[in-house]
Amino acid sequence: MTVADEVAQEPAPHPSSRLRGVGHWLRRCLTRWRAILLTIALIAATGFAAGYFYFVYRPDMQTDDAATHQVTKAASDGAVALLSYSPDTLTRDFNNAKSRLTENYLHYYQQFAEKVVGVAAMRGQVTTTATVIKAAVSEIHPNSAVVLMFIKQKTTSKDKPDPVITSSSLKVELTKVKGSWLIDNFEALTGGRP
């Protein structure tokens, strides 16, 4: 007698015995339903807590009052550096302003400073001093921020030695680069870029 003959002689499992096996498994699961539901609830709660920490709590910790103060200070100091210059200290003023800019904005600023501000400052002996009146954070994220501010500029020149005072509002966009907040965009709210 071969193995195939022995297998052929064994009775095939009866369908009702399969159903009994499935029924037995279902009864066992139903008796343990509380443990299964508790395990599923525990996994769901752990997943929710981890997601909440990662997407809500952690970014809030990175954008607390200290971060808001740093952003406001960086935007204010940067605005003063960009808008204050004198023909006697023009190179130093431009270098100070450049150190507060991201590489994206630096290219625009260099062209503007060399072709417009530098020429006007030297030719007309223009001196401008900017002062921040008020600054507030409009948006803040762990690596980017927007600050709105009001500034006052006092300008004197060879033709107008008496100071001319102007006020304007600015929108300053900042990006965190290697731990420092740098200006990524700088625009007057009443028109184009200053």
Protein backbone atom coordinates (compact mmCIF):
# COMPACT_ATOMS: atom_id res chain seq x y z
CA MET A 1 0.00 0.00 0.00
CA THR A 2 1.38 3.34 -1.01
CA VAL A 3 1.16 6.67 0.74
CA ALA A 4 -1.31 7.89 -1.84
CA ASP A 5 -3.56 4.92 -1.09
CA GLU A 6 -3.42 5.64 2.65
CA VAL A 7 -4.35 9.27 2.08
CA ALA A 8 -7.17 8.21 -0.18
CA GLN A 9 -8.54 5.89 2.50
CA GLU A 10 -8.57 8.56 5.22
CA PRO A 11 -11.93 10.15 5.48
CA ALA A 12 -12.12 13.74 4.21
CA PRO A 13 -12.83 16.27 6.91
CA HIS A 14 -16.50 16.77 7.23
CA PRO A 15 -17.76 20.33 6.54
CA SER A 16 -19.53 20.39 9.87
CA SER A 17 -16.22 19.76 11.68
CA ARG A 18 -14.74 22.84 9.96
CA LEU A 19 -17.71 24.89 11.01
CA ARG A 20 -17.29 23.62 14.55
CA GLY A 21 -13.65 24.76 14.49
CA VAL A 22 -14.60 28.24 13.27
CA GLY A 23 -17.42 28.41 15.81
CA HIS A 24 -15.04 27.38 18.59
CA TRP A 25 -12.60 30.13 17.53
CA LEU A 26 -15.39 32.74 17.45
CA ARG A 27 -16.60 31.73 20.92
CA ARG A 28 -13.08 32.01 22.27
CA CYS A 29 -12.72 35.51 20.73
CA LEU A 30 -16.09 36.61 22.09
CA THR A 31 -15.13 35.53 25.58
CA ARG A 32 -12.03 37.70 25.30
CA TRP A 33 -13.69 40.69 23.64
CA ARG A 34 -12.99 42.99 26.56
CA ALA A 35 -9.27 42.31 26.41
CA ILE A 36 -9.26 42.80 22.63
CA LEU A 37 -11.17 46.11 22.85
CA LEU A 38 -8.92 47.31 25.67
CA THR A 39 -5.83 46.52 23.59
CA ILE A 40 -7.23 48.36 20.55
CA ALA A 41 -8.17 51.38 22.71
CA LEU A 42 -4.70 51.44 24.28
CA ILE A 43 -3.01 51.35 20.87
CA ALA A 44 -5.30 54.12 19.56
CA ALA A 45 -4.68 56.32 22.63
CA THR A 46 -0.91 55.86 22.34
CA GLY A 47 -1.03 56.75 18.63
CA PHE A 48 -3.14 59.84 19.33
CA ALA A 49 -0.80 60.99 22.11
CA ALA A 50 2.28 60.53 19.91
CA GLY A 51 0.63 62.41 17.02
CA TYR A 52 -0.51 65.24 19.28
CA PHE A 53 2.98 65.62 20.73
CA TYR A 54 4.65 65.60 17.33
CA PHE A 55 2.24 67.85 15.41
CA VAL A 56 0.87 70.20 18.10
CA TYR A 57 2.86 70.29 21.35
CA ARG A 58 6.41 70.18 19.92
CA PRO A 59 5.87 73.05 17.43
CA ASP A 60 4.25 75.09 20.23
CA MET A 61 7.34 74.56 22.38
CA GLN A 62 9.50 75.83 19.50
CA THR A 63 7.34 78.93 19.05
CA ASP A 64 6.95 80.08 22.64
CA ASP A 65 7.33 83.62 24.00
CA ALA A 66 11.13 83.45 23.86
CA ALA A 67 11.02 82.52 20.16
CA THR A 68 8.51 85.32 19.49
CA HIS A 69 10.84 87.80 21.21
CA GLN A 70 13.84 86.56 19.15
CA VAL A 71 11.87 86.89 15.91
CA THR A 72 10.68 90.40 16.75
CA LYS A 73 14.20 91.50 17.71
CA ALA A 74 15.76 89.99 14.58
CA ALA A 75 13.15 91.66 12.35
CA SER A 76 13.51 95.04 14.09
CA ASP A 77 17.30 95.01 14.06
CA GLY A 78 17.30 93.85 10.44
CA ALA A 79 14.87 96.56 9.34
CA VAL A 80 16.99 99.24 11.01
CA ALA A 81 20.12 97.84 9.36
CA LEU A 82 18.51 97.72 5.91
CA LEU A 83 17.05 101.22 6.09
CA SER A 84 19.83 103.15 7.87
CA TYR A 85 22.91 104.34 5.96
CA SER A 86 25.27 107.25 5.60
CA PRO A 87 27.74 108.12 2.82
CA ASP A 88 30.59 108.13 5.37
CA THR A 89 29.91 104.54 6.51
CA LEU A 90 28.18 103.09 3.43
CA THR A 91 30.30 99.94 3.09
CA ARG A 92 29.98 99.11 6.79
CA ASP A 93 26.22 99.81 6.68
CA PHE A 94 25.73 97.52 3.67
CA ASN A 95 27.81 94.74 5.23
CA ASN A 96 25.79 95.02 8.45
CA ALA A 97 22.55 94.72 6.46
CA LYS A 98 23.85 91.78 4.36
CA SER A 99 24.70 89.80 7.49
CA ARG A 100 21.00 89.79 8.41
CA LEU A 101 19.70 88.36 5.11
CA THR A 102 19.16 84.87 3.74
CA GLU A 103 20.96 83.94 0.54
CA ASN A 104 17.64 84.13 -1.34
CA TYR A 105 17.12 87.80 -0.47
CA LEU A 106 20.80 88.79 -0.50
CA HIS A 107 21.00 88.88 -4.32
CA TYR A 108 18.11 91.34 -4.60
CA TYR A 109 19.46 93.52 -1.80
CA GLN A 110 22.97 93.71 -3.29
CA GLN A 111 21.62 94.94 -6.62
CA PHE A 112 19.28 97.43 -4.96
CA ALA A 113 21.99 98.71 -2.60
CA GLU A 114 24.63 99.14 -5.30
CA LYS A 115 22.45 100.58 -8.07
CA VAL A 116 19.98 102.71 -6.11
CA VAL A 117 20.89 103.36 -2.48
CA GLY A 118 24.65 103.62 -2.88
CA VAL A 119 24.47 105.98 -5.84
CA ALA A 120 21.86 108.23 -4.18
CA ALA A 121 23.70 108.26 -0.86
CA MET A 122 27.02 109.26 -2.42
CA ARG A 123 25.71 111.69 -5.03
CA GLY A 124 23.23 113.52 -2.79
CA GLN A 125 25.06 112.94 0.52
CA VAL A 126 21.89 111.23 1.81
CA THR A 127 21.84 109.99 5.38
CA THR A 128 18.89 107.94 6.59
CA THR A 129 18.21 106.69 10.09
CA ALA A 130 15.38 104.24 10.73
CA THR A 131 13.63 103.60 14.03
CA VAL A 132 11.09 100.87 14.74
CA ILE A 133 7.99 102.31 16.38
CA LYS A 134 6.10 99.05 16.87
CA ALA A 135 6.64 95.44 15.75
CA ALA A 136 4.47 92.37 16.22
CA VAL A 137 4.64 88.78 15.06
CA SER A 138 1.89 87.97 12.56
CA GLU A 139 2.84 84.31 12.01
CA ILE A 140 5.40 82.07 13.64
CA HIS A 141 6.44 78.51 12.89
CA PRO A 142 9.52 76.60 14.06
CA ASN A 143 11.58 77.72 11.03
CA SER A 144 9.73 80.72 9.56
CA ALA A 145 7.93 83.83 10.75
CA VAL A 146 6.25 87.02 9.54
CA VAL A 147 6.58 90.29 11.46
CA LEU A 148 4.57 93.44 10.81
CA MET A 149 6.07 96.74 11.88
CA PHE A 150 5.75 100.48 11.78
CA ILE A 151 8.93 102.43 11.26
CA LYS A 152 9.97 106.07 11.20
CA GLN A 153 12.78 107.26 8.94
CA LYS A 154 14.70 110.51 9.31
CA THR A 155 16.47 111.56 6.12
CA THR A 156 18.88 114.42 5.50
CA SER A 157 20.77 115.30 2.32
CA LYS A 158 23.06 117.90 0.84
CA ASP A 159 20.07 119.64 -0.77
CA LYS A 160 17.79 119.30 2.30
CA PRO A 161 19.83 119.56 5.49
CA ASP A 162 16.69 119.77 7.62
CA PRO A 163 15.51 116.24 8.49
CA VAL A 164 12.54 114.87 6.56
CA ILE A 165 10.60 112.37 8.67
CA THR A 166 8.50 109.66 7.03
CA SER A 167 6.57 106.73 8.45
CA SER A 168 5.74 103.45 6.82
CA SER A 169 4.58 99.96 7.59
CA LEU A 170 6.54 96.86 6.64
CA LYS A 171 6.04 93.14 6.32
CA VAL A 172 9.22 91.24 7.18
CA GLU A 173 9.46 87.51 6.44
CA LEU A 174 12.13 85.61 8.33
CA THR A 175 13.65 82.15 8.04
CA LYS A 176 15.66 80.32 10.67
CA VAL A 177 19.08 79.46 9.26
CA LYS A 178 21.60 77.62 11.46
CA GLY A 179 19.87 78.84 14.61
CA SER A 180 19.62 82.51 13.54
CA TRP A 181 16.57 84.35 12.27
CA LEU A 182 17.39 86.02 8.94
CA ILE A 183 15.28 88.23 6.68
CA ASP A 184 13.98 86.34 3.64
CA ASN A 185 11.69 89.04 2.27
CA PHE A 186 11.17 92.70 3.12
CA GLU A 187 8.37 94.76 1.67
CA ALA A 188 6.45 97.91 2.31
CA LEU A 189 2.76 97.24 2.86
CA THR A 190 1.82 100.30 0.82
CA GLY A 191 3.78 99.22 -2.26
CA GLY A 192 6.79 97.28 -3.56
CA ARG A 193 10.03 96.45 -1.86
CA PRO A 194 11.92 99.27 -0.13
